[in-house]
């Protein structure tokens, strides 16, 4: 079994939309050039599973953001989590019933930083009915019964209100990334 602290996931926001395109082999090369090993991407929306020592993993978001800025000419926020953190995120889902019955209605917004308590309290629970959210640490669990496209609980709203950077993934993607980190640990 490989060392679990060495499996990580990077979540890039807004990649491969409009002119912000990076082919997945090129994105994987950016991570390899930064010192990561066993780099794998999942779908072309900026999900990368990789191996790295904890000290390097903590620096990867900044290194990747800088490489994209220099090599592609645009800013692309990157949020990282370890395999253990991803396991805890999956286990902590407050919308388990919805995730089981209709997984496309459940999302997780991954935050770069843990928001201050006052910032979390500033989130308006009535901003986008019937949508619901729960903030746990550096994650915002979102339930969109009518779909995410209609929601007013957007990255822009979360970023501004919580004073951080967010990037969201649907529940199926979260579970697939968890599976990929586990494969990396046992592979």
N, C-alpha and C. Protein backbone atom coordinates (compact mmCIF):
# COMPACT_ATOMS: atom_id res chain seq x y z
N UNK A 1 0.84 -1.19 0.00
CA UNK A 1 0.00 0.00 0.00
C UNK A 1 0.88 1.24 0.00
N UNK A 2 0.52 2.20 -0.81
CA UNK A 2 1.26 3.46 -0.86
C UNK A 2 0.89 4.33 0.32
N UNK A 3 1.71 5.32 0.57
CA UNK A 3 1.52 6.23 1.69
C UNK A 3 0.31 7.13 1.44
N UNK A 4 -0.73 7.07 2.31
CA UNK A 4 -1.94 7.85 2.06
C UNK A 4 -1.74 9.36 2.10
N UNK A 5 -0.71 9.84 2.78
CA UNK A 5 -0.52 11.29 2.82
C UNK A 5 0.03 11.79 1.49
N UNK A 6 0.39 10.88 0.60
CA UNK A 6 0.96 11.29 -0.68
C UNK A 6 -0.08 11.36 -1.80
N UNK A 7 -1.31 10.98 -1.56
CA UNK A 7 -2.36 11.07 -2.59
C UNK A 7 -3.15 12.35 -2.39
N UNK A 8 -3.27 13.12 -3.46
CA UNK A 8 -3.92 14.42 -3.39
C UNK A 8 -4.77 14.66 -4.63
N UNK A 9 -5.67 15.62 -4.51
CA UNK A 9 -6.46 16.05 -5.65
C UNK A 9 -6.36 17.57 -5.75
N UNK A 10 -6.24 18.05 -6.98
CA UNK A 10 -6.25 19.49 -7.25
C UNK A 10 -7.50 19.77 -8.08
N UNK A 11 -8.18 20.83 -7.70
CA UNK A 11 -9.43 21.23 -8.36
C UNK A 11 -9.22 22.62 -8.95
N UNK A 12 -9.24 22.71 -10.26
CA UNK A 12 -9.01 23.98 -10.95
C UNK A 12 -10.36 24.59 -11.30
N UNK A 13 -10.48 25.89 -11.14
CA UNK A 13 -11.76 26.54 -11.41
C UNK A 13 -11.74 27.23 -12.78
N UNK A 14 -12.79 26.97 -13.53
CA UNK A 14 -13.02 27.70 -14.78
C UNK A 14 -12.09 27.31 -15.91
N UNK A 15 -11.53 26.12 -15.86
CA UNK A 15 -10.63 25.69 -16.93
C UNK A 15 -11.45 25.06 -18.06
N UNK A 16 -10.96 25.24 -19.26
CA UNK A 16 -11.58 24.70 -20.47
C UNK A 16 -12.97 25.27 -20.73
N UNK A 17 -13.12 26.52 -20.35
CA UNK A 17 -14.33 27.30 -20.67
C UNK A 17 -13.89 28.47 -21.53
N UNK A 18 -14.58 28.71 -22.63
CA UNK A 18 -14.23 29.82 -23.50
C UNK A 18 -12.80 29.68 -24.01
N UNK A 19 -12.00 30.73 -23.81
CA UNK A 19 -10.61 30.74 -24.29
C UNK A 19 -9.63 30.21 -23.25
N UNK A 20 -10.13 29.77 -22.12
CA UNK A 20 -9.28 29.28 -21.03
C UNK A 20 -9.06 27.77 -21.16
N UNK A 21 -8.45 27.36 -22.27
CA UNK A 21 -8.32 25.94 -22.58
C UNK A 21 -6.90 25.43 -22.37
N UNK A 22 -6.84 24.26 -21.75
CA UNK A 22 -5.58 23.55 -21.60
C UNK A 22 -5.88 22.07 -21.84
N UNK A 23 -5.25 21.45 -22.83
CA UNK A 23 -5.45 20.01 -23.03
C UNK A 23 -5.01 19.24 -21.79
N UNK A 24 -5.69 18.15 -21.48
CA UNK A 24 -5.40 17.41 -20.26
C UNK A 24 -3.97 16.85 -20.22
N UNK A 25 -3.40 16.37 -21.32
CA UNK A 25 -1.99 15.94 -21.24
C UNK A 25 -1.05 17.09 -20.86
N UNK A 26 -1.35 18.28 -21.35
CA UNK A 26 -0.54 19.45 -21.01
C UNK A 26 -0.73 19.83 -19.54
N UNK A 27 -1.96 19.73 -19.05
CA UNK A 27 -2.22 20.01 -17.63
C UNK A 27 -1.47 19.01 -16.75
N UNK A 28 -1.52 17.74 -17.12
CA UNK A 28 -0.79 16.72 -16.37
C UNK A 28 0.71 17.02 -16.37
N UNK A 29 1.23 17.49 -17.48
CA UNK A 29 2.66 17.83 -17.56
C UNK A 29 3.02 18.98 -16.62
N UNK A 30 2.12 19.93 -16.45
CA UNK A 30 2.36 21.03 -15.51
C UNK A 30 2.57 20.47 -14.10
N UNK A 31 1.75 19.51 -13.71
CA UNK A 31 1.88 18.90 -12.39
C UNK A 31 3.16 18.08 -12.28
N UNK A 32 3.48 17.33 -13.33
CA UNK A 32 4.72 16.54 -13.34
C UNK A 32 5.93 17.46 -13.23
N UNK A 33 5.92 18.55 -14.00
CA UNK A 33 7.02 19.51 -13.96
C UNK A 33 7.16 20.15 -12.58
N UNK A 34 6.06 20.24 -11.84
CA UNK A 34 6.09 20.82 -10.48
C UNK A 34 6.59 19.81 -9.45
N UNK A 35 6.83 18.56 -9.86
CA UNK A 35 7.37 17.56 -8.96
C UNK A 35 6.40 16.48 -8.53
N UNK A 36 5.20 16.48 -9.07
CA UNK A 36 4.20 15.47 -8.71
C UNK A 36 4.50 14.17 -9.45
N UNK A 37 3.96 13.08 -8.92
CA UNK A 37 4.12 11.77 -9.56
C UNK A 37 2.76 11.14 -9.79
N UNK A 38 2.72 10.17 -10.70
CA UNK A 38 1.49 9.42 -10.99
C UNK A 38 0.31 10.36 -11.20
N UNK A 39 0.47 11.34 -12.07
CA UNK A 39 -0.54 12.37 -12.32
C UNK A 39 -1.62 11.83 -13.25
N UNK A 40 -2.87 11.99 -12.83
CA UNK A 40 -4.01 11.58 -13.66
C UNK A 40 -5.06 12.67 -13.63
N UNK A 41 -5.67 12.90 -14.77
CA UNK A 41 -6.76 13.89 -14.85
C UNK A 41 -8.08 13.16 -14.96
N UNK A 42 -9.13 13.85 -14.58
CA UNK A 42 -10.48 13.30 -14.71
C UNK A 42 -11.36 14.34 -15.37
N UNK A 43 -11.95 14.00 -16.46
CA UNK A 43 -12.73 14.86 -17.35
C UNK A 43 -11.99 16.19 -17.56
N UNK A 44 -12.35 16.89 -18.57
CA UNK A 44 -11.61 18.08 -18.98
C UNK A 44 -12.02 19.33 -18.22
N UNK A 45 -12.45 19.19 -16.98
CA UNK A 45 -12.90 20.37 -16.22
C UNK A 45 -11.97 20.71 -15.06
N UNK A 46 -10.73 20.20 -15.10
CA UNK A 46 -9.76 20.62 -14.10
C UNK A 46 -9.74 19.82 -12.83
N UNK A 47 -9.74 18.51 -12.93
CA UNK A 47 -9.62 17.62 -11.77
C UNK A 47 -8.35 16.80 -11.96
N UNK A 48 -7.43 16.89 -11.00
CA UNK A 48 -6.15 16.22 -11.13
C UNK A 48 -5.85 15.45 -9.84
N UNK A 49 -5.57 14.17 -9.98
CA UNK A 49 -5.15 13.34 -8.86
C UNK A 49 -3.66 13.10 -9.04
N UNK A 50 -2.90 13.22 -7.96
CA UNK A 50 -1.45 13.10 -8.06
C UNK A 50 -0.85 12.66 -6.73
N UNK A 51 0.40 12.26 -6.80
CA UNK A 51 1.15 11.92 -5.61
C UNK A 51 2.19 12.99 -5.34
N UNK A 52 2.33 13.33 -4.07
CA UNK A 52 3.35 14.31 -3.66
C UNK A 52 3.49 14.25 -2.14
N UNK A 53 4.69 14.53 -1.68
CA UNK A 53 4.91 14.64 -0.24
C UNK A 53 4.09 15.82 0.27
N UNK A 54 3.66 15.79 1.53
CA UNK A 54 2.81 16.87 2.07
C UNK A 54 3.38 18.28 1.88
N UNK A 55 4.68 18.45 2.05
CA UNK A 55 5.26 19.79 1.90
C UNK A 55 5.11 20.30 0.47
N UNK A 56 5.32 19.42 -0.51
CA UNK A 56 5.14 19.82 -1.91
C UNK A 56 3.67 20.03 -2.21
N UNK A 57 2.80 19.15 -1.73
CA UNK A 57 1.36 19.26 -2.00
C UNK A 57 0.82 20.60 -1.54
N UNK A 58 1.33 21.11 -0.44
CA UNK A 58 0.87 22.41 0.07
C UNK A 58 1.24 23.54 -0.89
N UNK A 59 2.30 23.35 -1.67
CA UNK A 59 2.75 24.40 -2.60
C UNK A 59 2.19 24.24 -4.00
N UNK A 60 1.62 23.06 -4.32
CA UNK A 60 1.16 22.78 -5.68
C UNK A 60 0.15 23.79 -6.20
N UNK A 61 -0.90 24.16 -5.44
CA UNK A 61 -1.84 25.14 -6.02
C UNK A 61 -1.16 26.41 -6.53
N UNK A 62 -0.26 26.98 -5.76
CA UNK A 62 0.44 28.19 -6.20
C UNK A 62 1.35 27.94 -7.39
N UNK A 63 2.05 26.82 -7.38
CA UNK A 63 2.95 26.49 -8.50
C UNK A 63 2.16 26.30 -9.79
N UNK A 64 1.03 25.61 -9.71
CA UNK A 64 0.22 25.37 -10.90
C UNK A 64 -0.42 26.67 -11.39
N UNK A 65 -0.94 27.47 -10.46
CA UNK A 65 -1.51 28.77 -10.87
C UNK A 65 -0.48 29.61 -11.61
N UNK A 66 0.74 29.65 -11.09
CA UNK A 66 1.80 30.44 -11.73
C UNK A 66 2.18 29.87 -13.10
N UNK A 67 2.27 28.55 -13.22
CA UNK A 67 2.60 27.93 -14.50
C UNK A 67 1.52 28.23 -15.55
N UNK A 68 0.27 28.19 -15.14
CA UNK A 68 -0.82 28.49 -16.08
C UNK A 68 -0.80 29.96 -16.47
N UNK A 69 -0.57 30.83 -15.51
CA UNK A 69 -0.51 32.27 -15.79
C UNK A 69 0.61 32.55 -16.80
N UNK A 70 1.79 31.99 -16.55
CA UNK A 70 2.93 32.23 -17.44
C UNK A 70 2.78 31.54 -18.79
N UNK A 71 2.30 30.30 -18.79
CA UNK A 71 2.24 29.53 -20.03
C UNK A 71 1.00 29.73 -20.87
N UNK A 72 -0.09 30.20 -20.22
CA UNK A 72 -1.35 30.31 -20.95
C UNK A 72 -2.00 31.68 -20.87
N UNK A 73 -1.47 32.54 -20.02
CA UNK A 73 -1.92 33.93 -19.99
C UNK A 73 -3.24 34.20 -19.29
N UNK A 74 -3.67 33.30 -18.41
CA UNK A 74 -4.88 33.58 -17.64
C UNK A 74 -4.74 33.05 -16.22
N UNK A 75 -5.53 33.63 -15.32
CA UNK A 75 -5.55 33.19 -13.93
C UNK A 75 -6.52 32.03 -13.79
N UNK A 76 -6.11 31.02 -13.05
CA UNK A 76 -6.92 29.83 -12.82
C UNK A 76 -6.74 29.39 -11.38
N UNK A 77 -7.69 29.72 -10.51
CA UNK A 77 -7.56 29.30 -9.11
C UNK A 77 -7.50 27.78 -8.98
N UNK A 78 -6.65 27.33 -8.06
CA UNK A 78 -6.48 25.90 -7.79
C UNK A 78 -6.68 25.66 -6.30
N UNK A 79 -7.50 24.69 -5.97
CA UNK A 79 -7.76 24.31 -4.58
C UNK A 79 -7.34 22.86 -4.42
N UNK A 80 -6.64 22.55 -3.35
CA UNK A 80 -6.16 21.19 -3.15
C UNK A 80 -6.73 20.52 -1.92
N UNK A 81 -6.80 19.18 -1.97
CA UNK A 81 -7.20 18.37 -0.83
C UNK A 81 -6.41 17.06 -0.86
N UNK A 82 -6.13 16.52 0.33
CA UNK A 82 -5.49 15.22 0.42
C UNK A 82 -6.55 14.13 0.28
N UNK A 83 -6.09 12.90 0.08
CA UNK A 83 -7.02 11.77 0.01
C UNK A 83 -7.81 11.64 1.30
N UNK A 84 -7.14 11.83 2.43
CA UNK A 84 -7.82 11.72 3.73
C UNK A 84 -8.87 12.81 3.88
N UNK A 85 -8.56 14.01 3.43
CA UNK A 85 -9.55 15.09 3.50
C UNK A 85 -10.74 14.77 2.60
N UNK A 86 -10.48 14.23 1.42
CA UNK A 86 -11.56 13.88 0.51
C UNK A 86 -12.45 12.80 1.12
N UNK A 87 -11.85 11.83 1.78
CA UNK A 87 -12.64 10.80 2.47
C UNK A 87 -13.55 11.44 3.53
N UNK A 88 -13.01 12.38 4.30
CA UNK A 88 -13.79 13.05 5.34
C UNK A 88 -14.92 13.89 4.74
N UNK A 89 -14.66 14.49 3.60
CA UNK A 89 -15.68 15.29 2.91
C UNK A 89 -16.84 14.39 2.48
N UNK A 90 -16.53 13.25 1.91
CA UNK A 90 -17.57 12.31 1.48
C UNK A 90 -18.35 11.81 2.70
N UNK A 91 -17.64 11.46 3.75
CA UNK A 91 -18.30 10.95 4.96
C UNK A 91 -19.16 12.02 5.64
N UNK A 92 -18.80 13.28 5.47
CA UNK A 92 -19.51 14.37 6.15
C UNK A 92 -20.68 14.96 5.38
N UNK A 93 -21.05 14.37 4.25
CA UNK A 93 -22.14 14.92 3.44
C UNK A 93 -23.45 14.96 4.22
N UNK A 94 -24.00 16.16 4.46
CA UNK A 94 -25.28 16.25 5.18
C UNK A 94 -26.48 15.95 4.29
N UNK A 95 -26.26 15.82 2.99
CA UNK A 95 -27.35 15.57 2.04
C UNK A 95 -27.25 14.16 1.47
N UNK A 96 -26.96 13.19 2.31
CA UNK A 96 -26.76 11.81 1.88
C UNK A 96 -27.98 11.25 1.15
N UNK A 97 -29.18 11.50 1.68
CA UNK A 97 -30.38 10.98 1.02
C UNK A 97 -30.53 11.52 -0.39
N UNK A 98 -30.31 12.81 -0.56
CA UNK A 98 -30.40 13.41 -1.90
C UNK A 98 -29.31 12.87 -2.80
N UNK A 99 -28.10 12.67 -2.26
CA UNK A 99 -27.00 12.15 -3.07
C UNK A 99 -27.29 10.74 -3.56
N UNK A 100 -27.98 9.96 -2.74
CA UNK A 100 -28.33 8.59 -3.14
C UNK A 100 -29.47 8.58 -4.14
N UNK A 101 -30.47 9.41 -3.93
CA UNK A 101 -31.64 9.39 -4.80
C UNK A 101 -31.44 10.16 -6.10
N UNK A 102 -30.69 11.26 -6.07
CA UNK A 102 -30.47 12.07 -7.26
C UNK A 102 -29.13 12.81 -7.13
N UNK A 103 -28.01 12.10 -7.37
CA UNK A 103 -26.69 12.67 -7.10
C UNK A 103 -26.39 13.97 -7.84
N UNK A 104 -27.05 14.21 -8.97
CA UNK A 104 -26.75 15.45 -9.71
C UNK A 104 -27.24 16.69 -8.98
N UNK A 105 -28.06 16.53 -7.94
CA UNK A 105 -28.56 17.69 -7.20
C UNK A 105 -27.64 18.10 -6.05
N UNK A 106 -26.61 17.29 -5.78
CA UNK A 106 -25.71 17.58 -4.67
C UNK A 106 -24.33 17.98 -5.21
N UNK A 107 -23.80 19.07 -4.69
CA UNK A 107 -22.48 19.57 -5.07
C UNK A 107 -21.68 19.88 -3.81
N UNK A 108 -20.39 19.98 -3.98
CA UNK A 108 -19.51 20.45 -2.91
C UNK A 108 -18.70 21.61 -3.48
N UNK A 109 -18.73 22.75 -2.79
CA UNK A 109 -17.86 23.87 -3.12
C UNK A 109 -16.64 23.75 -2.21
N UNK A 110 -15.49 23.56 -2.82
CA UNK A 110 -14.23 23.45 -2.09
C UNK A 110 -13.66 24.86 -1.94
N UNK A 111 -13.37 25.24 -0.71
CA UNK A 111 -12.86 26.59 -0.42
C UNK A 111 -11.35 26.55 -0.24
N UNK A 112 -10.69 27.57 -0.73
CA UNK A 112 -9.24 27.64 -0.54
C UNK A 112 -8.91 27.80 0.94
N UNK A 113 -9.66 28.64 1.63
CA UNK A 113 -9.38 28.93 3.04
C UNK A 113 -10.62 28.66 3.88
N UNK A 114 -10.39 28.40 5.15
CA UNK A 114 -11.50 28.24 6.09
C UNK A 114 -12.06 29.64 6.36
N UNK A 115 -13.36 29.86 6.10
CA UNK A 115 -13.92 31.20 6.29
C UNK A 115 -14.11 31.52 7.77
N UNK A 116 -14.04 32.80 8.07
CA UNK A 116 -14.30 33.27 9.43
C UNK A 116 -15.76 33.01 9.78
N UNK A 117 -16.03 32.78 11.05
CA UNK A 117 -17.39 32.47 11.50
C UNK A 117 -18.37 33.58 11.09
N UNK A 118 -17.96 34.83 11.20
CA UNK A 118 -18.84 35.94 10.83
C UNK A 118 -19.18 35.90 9.34
N UNK A 119 -18.23 35.47 8.53
CA UNK A 119 -18.47 35.36 7.08
C UNK A 119 -19.48 34.24 6.80
N UNK A 120 -19.35 33.12 7.49
CA UNK A 120 -20.29 32.01 7.31
C UNK A 120 -21.69 32.46 7.72
N UNK A 121 -21.79 33.19 8.82
CA UNK A 121 -23.09 33.67 9.29
C UNK A 121 -23.71 34.68 8.33
N UNK A 122 -22.90 35.30 7.47
CA UNK A 122 -23.41 36.27 6.50
C UNK A 122 -24.07 35.60 5.30
N UNK A 123 -23.87 34.30 5.12
CA UNK A 123 -24.54 33.59 4.03
C UNK A 123 -26.05 33.60 4.27
N UNK A 124 -26.80 33.91 3.25
CA UNK A 124 -28.26 34.02 3.36
C UNK A 124 -28.92 32.69 3.02
N UNK A 125 -29.52 32.01 4.02
CA UNK A 125 -30.16 30.72 3.76
C UNK A 125 -31.39 30.83 2.85
N UNK A 126 -31.91 32.04 2.68
CA UNK A 126 -33.09 32.25 1.83
C UNK A 126 -32.72 32.88 0.48
N UNK A 127 -31.47 32.89 0.14
CA UNK A 127 -31.03 33.52 -1.11
C UNK A 127 -31.59 32.84 -2.35
N UNK A 128 -31.75 31.52 -2.30
CA UNK A 128 -32.09 30.78 -3.52
C UNK A 128 -32.97 29.57 -3.22
N UNK A 129 -34.20 29.80 -2.74
CA UNK A 129 -35.07 28.66 -2.44
C UNK A 129 -35.39 27.86 -3.71
N UNK A 130 -35.47 26.57 -3.66
CA UNK A 130 -35.42 25.67 -2.51
C UNK A 130 -34.01 25.14 -2.20
N UNK A 131 -32.98 25.80 -2.74
CA UNK A 131 -31.61 25.34 -2.52
C UNK A 131 -31.25 25.42 -1.04
N UNK A 132 -30.38 24.49 -0.65
CA UNK A 132 -29.90 24.47 0.74
C UNK A 132 -28.38 24.34 0.73
N UNK A 133 -27.77 24.77 1.83
CA UNK A 133 -26.32 24.61 1.96
C UNK A 133 -25.95 24.39 3.41
N UNK A 134 -24.81 23.74 3.59
CA UNK A 134 -24.22 23.54 4.91
C UNK A 134 -22.73 23.78 4.76
N UNK A 135 -22.18 24.64 5.61
CA UNK A 135 -20.74 24.90 5.61
C UNK A 135 -20.09 24.04 6.69
N UNK A 136 -19.07 23.28 6.27
CA UNK A 136 -18.29 22.47 7.22
C UNK A 136 -16.82 22.70 6.90
N UNK A 137 -16.14 23.43 7.75
CA UNK A 137 -14.72 23.69 7.53
C UNK A 137 -14.47 24.44 6.25
N UNK A 138 -13.73 23.81 5.33
CA UNK A 138 -13.40 24.45 4.05
C UNK A 138 -14.28 23.94 2.91
N UNK A 139 -15.45 23.40 3.25
CA UNK A 139 -16.39 22.93 2.23
C UNK A 139 -17.76 23.54 2.45
N UNK A 140 -18.46 23.76 1.34
CA UNK A 140 -19.87 24.13 1.39
C UNK A 140 -20.60 23.02 0.63
N UNK A 141 -21.42 22.29 1.35
CA UNK A 141 -22.25 21.26 0.73
C UNK A 141 -23.51 21.95 0.22
N UNK A 142 -23.86 21.67 -1.03
CA UNK A 142 -24.98 22.35 -1.68
C UNK A 142 -25.98 21.33 -2.19
N UNK A 143 -27.25 21.61 -1.96
CA UNK A 143 -28.31 20.76 -2.51
C UNK A 143 -29.17 21.65 -3.39
N UNK A 144 -29.17 21.34 -4.68
CA UNK A 144 -29.91 22.09 -5.69
C UNK A 144 -31.04 21.22 -6.23
N UNK A 145 -32.21 21.15 -5.58
CA UNK A 145 -33.29 20.27 -6.05
C UNK A 145 -33.73 20.56 -7.48
N UNK A 146 -33.63 21.83 -7.91
CA UNK A 146 -34.05 22.21 -9.26
C UNK A 146 -32.87 22.36 -10.22
N UNK A 147 -31.69 21.96 -9.79
CA UNK A 147 -30.51 22.05 -10.64
C UNK A 147 -29.64 23.24 -10.29
N UNK A 148 -28.34 23.10 -10.52
CA UNK A 148 -27.37 24.14 -10.18
C UNK A 148 -27.47 25.36 -11.08
N UNK A 149 -27.90 25.19 -12.31
CA UNK A 149 -27.92 26.29 -13.27
C UNK A 149 -28.82 27.44 -12.83
N UNK A 150 -29.86 27.14 -12.08
CA UNK A 150 -30.81 28.18 -11.65
C UNK A 150 -30.47 28.80 -10.29
N UNK A 151 -29.51 28.24 -9.63
CA UNK A 151 -29.21 28.65 -8.26
C UNK A 151 -28.51 30.01 -8.19
N UNK A 152 -28.78 30.72 -7.12
CA UNK A 152 -28.08 31.97 -6.83
C UNK A 152 -26.94 31.72 -5.83
N UNK A 153 -26.74 30.45 -5.48
CA UNK A 153 -25.61 30.08 -4.61
C UNK A 153 -24.44 29.72 -5.52
N UNK A 154 -23.83 30.74 -6.09
CA UNK A 154 -22.79 30.60 -7.10
C UNK A 154 -21.40 30.74 -6.49
N UNK A 155 -20.38 30.40 -7.29
CA UNK A 155 -19.00 30.63 -6.85
C UNK A 155 -18.79 32.10 -6.51
N UNK A 156 -19.29 32.99 -7.35
CA UNK A 156 -19.10 34.42 -7.10
C UNK A 156 -19.71 34.84 -5.75
N UNK A 157 -20.91 34.35 -5.46
CA UNK A 157 -21.55 34.67 -4.18
C UNK A 157 -20.75 34.10 -3.02
N UNK A 158 -20.33 32.84 -3.13
CA UNK A 158 -19.56 32.22 -2.06
C UNK A 158 -18.22 32.92 -1.87
N UNK A 159 -17.53 33.23 -2.97
CA UNK A 159 -16.23 33.90 -2.88
C UNK A 159 -16.35 35.24 -2.16
N UNK A 160 -17.33 36.04 -2.59
CA UNK A 160 -17.49 37.37 -2.02
C UNK A 160 -17.92 37.31 -0.56
N UNK A 161 -18.92 36.50 -0.27
CA UNK A 161 -19.46 36.45 1.08
C UNK A 161 -18.48 35.81 2.06
N UNK A 162 -17.79 34.76 1.63
CA UNK A 162 -16.88 34.04 2.52
C UNK A 162 -15.44 34.55 2.45
N UNK A 163 -15.17 35.47 1.53
CA UNK A 163 -13.85 36.07 1.37
C UNK A 163 -12.77 35.01 1.12
N UNK A 164 -13.03 34.17 0.14
CA UNK A 164 -12.07 33.14 -0.25
C UNK A 164 -12.33 32.78 -1.71
N UNK A 165 -11.70 31.73 -2.18
CA UNK A 165 -11.90 31.22 -3.53
C UNK A 165 -12.59 29.87 -3.41
N UNK A 166 -13.58 29.64 -4.26
CA UNK A 166 -14.30 28.37 -4.26
C UNK A 166 -14.30 27.77 -5.66
N UNK A 167 -14.42 26.46 -5.69
CA UNK A 167 -14.66 25.75 -6.94
C UNK A 167 -15.54 24.56 -6.60
N UNK A 168 -16.60 24.37 -7.35
CA UNK A 168 -17.60 23.36 -7.00
C UNK A 168 -17.52 22.15 -7.93
N UNK A 169 -17.88 20.99 -7.36
CA UNK A 169 -17.96 19.75 -8.12
C UNK A 169 -19.25 19.05 -7.75
N UNK A 170 -19.86 18.38 -8.73
CA UNK A 170 -21.06 17.61 -8.43
C UNK A 170 -20.66 16.35 -7.66
N UNK A 171 -21.67 15.72 -7.04
CA UNK A 171 -21.41 14.60 -6.16
C UNK A 171 -20.75 13.42 -6.89
N UNK A 172 -21.17 13.17 -8.12
CA UNK A 172 -20.55 12.07 -8.88
C UNK A 172 -19.06 12.31 -9.08
N UNK A 173 -18.69 13.53 -9.39
CA UNK A 173 -17.28 13.86 -9.57
C UNK A 173 -16.52 13.72 -8.26
N UNK A 174 -17.10 14.19 -7.16
CA UNK A 174 -16.45 14.06 -5.85
C UNK A 174 -16.18 12.59 -5.56
N UNK A 175 -17.18 11.75 -5.78
CA UNK A 175 -17.01 10.32 -5.51
C UNK A 175 -15.98 9.69 -6.45
N UNK A 176 -15.96 10.09 -7.71
CA UNK A 176 -14.98 9.56 -8.65
C UNK A 176 -13.56 9.97 -8.24
N UNK A 177 -13.39 11.20 -7.81
CA UNK A 177 -12.07 11.65 -7.36
C UNK A 177 -11.64 10.89 -6.11
N UNK A 178 -12.58 10.62 -5.23
CA UNK A 178 -12.27 9.81 -4.06
C UNK A 178 -11.80 8.41 -4.49
N UNK A 179 -12.51 7.83 -5.44
CA UNK A 179 -12.14 6.51 -5.96
C UNK A 179 -10.73 6.55 -6.58
N UNK A 180 -10.44 7.59 -7.33
CA UNK A 180 -9.13 7.71 -7.97
C UNK A 180 -8.01 7.87 -6.94
N UNK A 181 -8.26 8.60 -5.85
CA UNK A 181 -7.22 8.74 -4.82
C UNK A 181 -7.01 7.40 -4.13
N UNK A 182 -8.07 6.65 -3.93
CA UNK A 182 -7.93 5.32 -3.32
C UNK A 182 -7.17 4.37 -4.23
N UNK A 183 -7.43 4.44 -5.53
CA UNK A 183 -6.69 3.62 -6.49
C UNK A 183 -5.21 3.97 -6.45
N UNK A 184 -4.93 5.25 -6.31
CA UNK A 184 -3.53 5.69 -6.26
C UNK A 184 -2.86 5.13 -5.02
N UNK A 185 -3.60 5.03 -3.93
CA UNK A 185 -3.03 4.53 -2.68
C UNK A 185 -2.72 3.03 -2.75
N UNK A 186 -3.54 2.29 -3.49
CA UNK A 186 -3.38 0.84 -3.51
C UNK A 186 -2.69 0.34 -4.77
N UNK A 187 -2.53 1.24 -5.78
CA UNK A 187 -1.99 0.83 -7.07
C UNK A 187 -0.54 0.60 -7.13
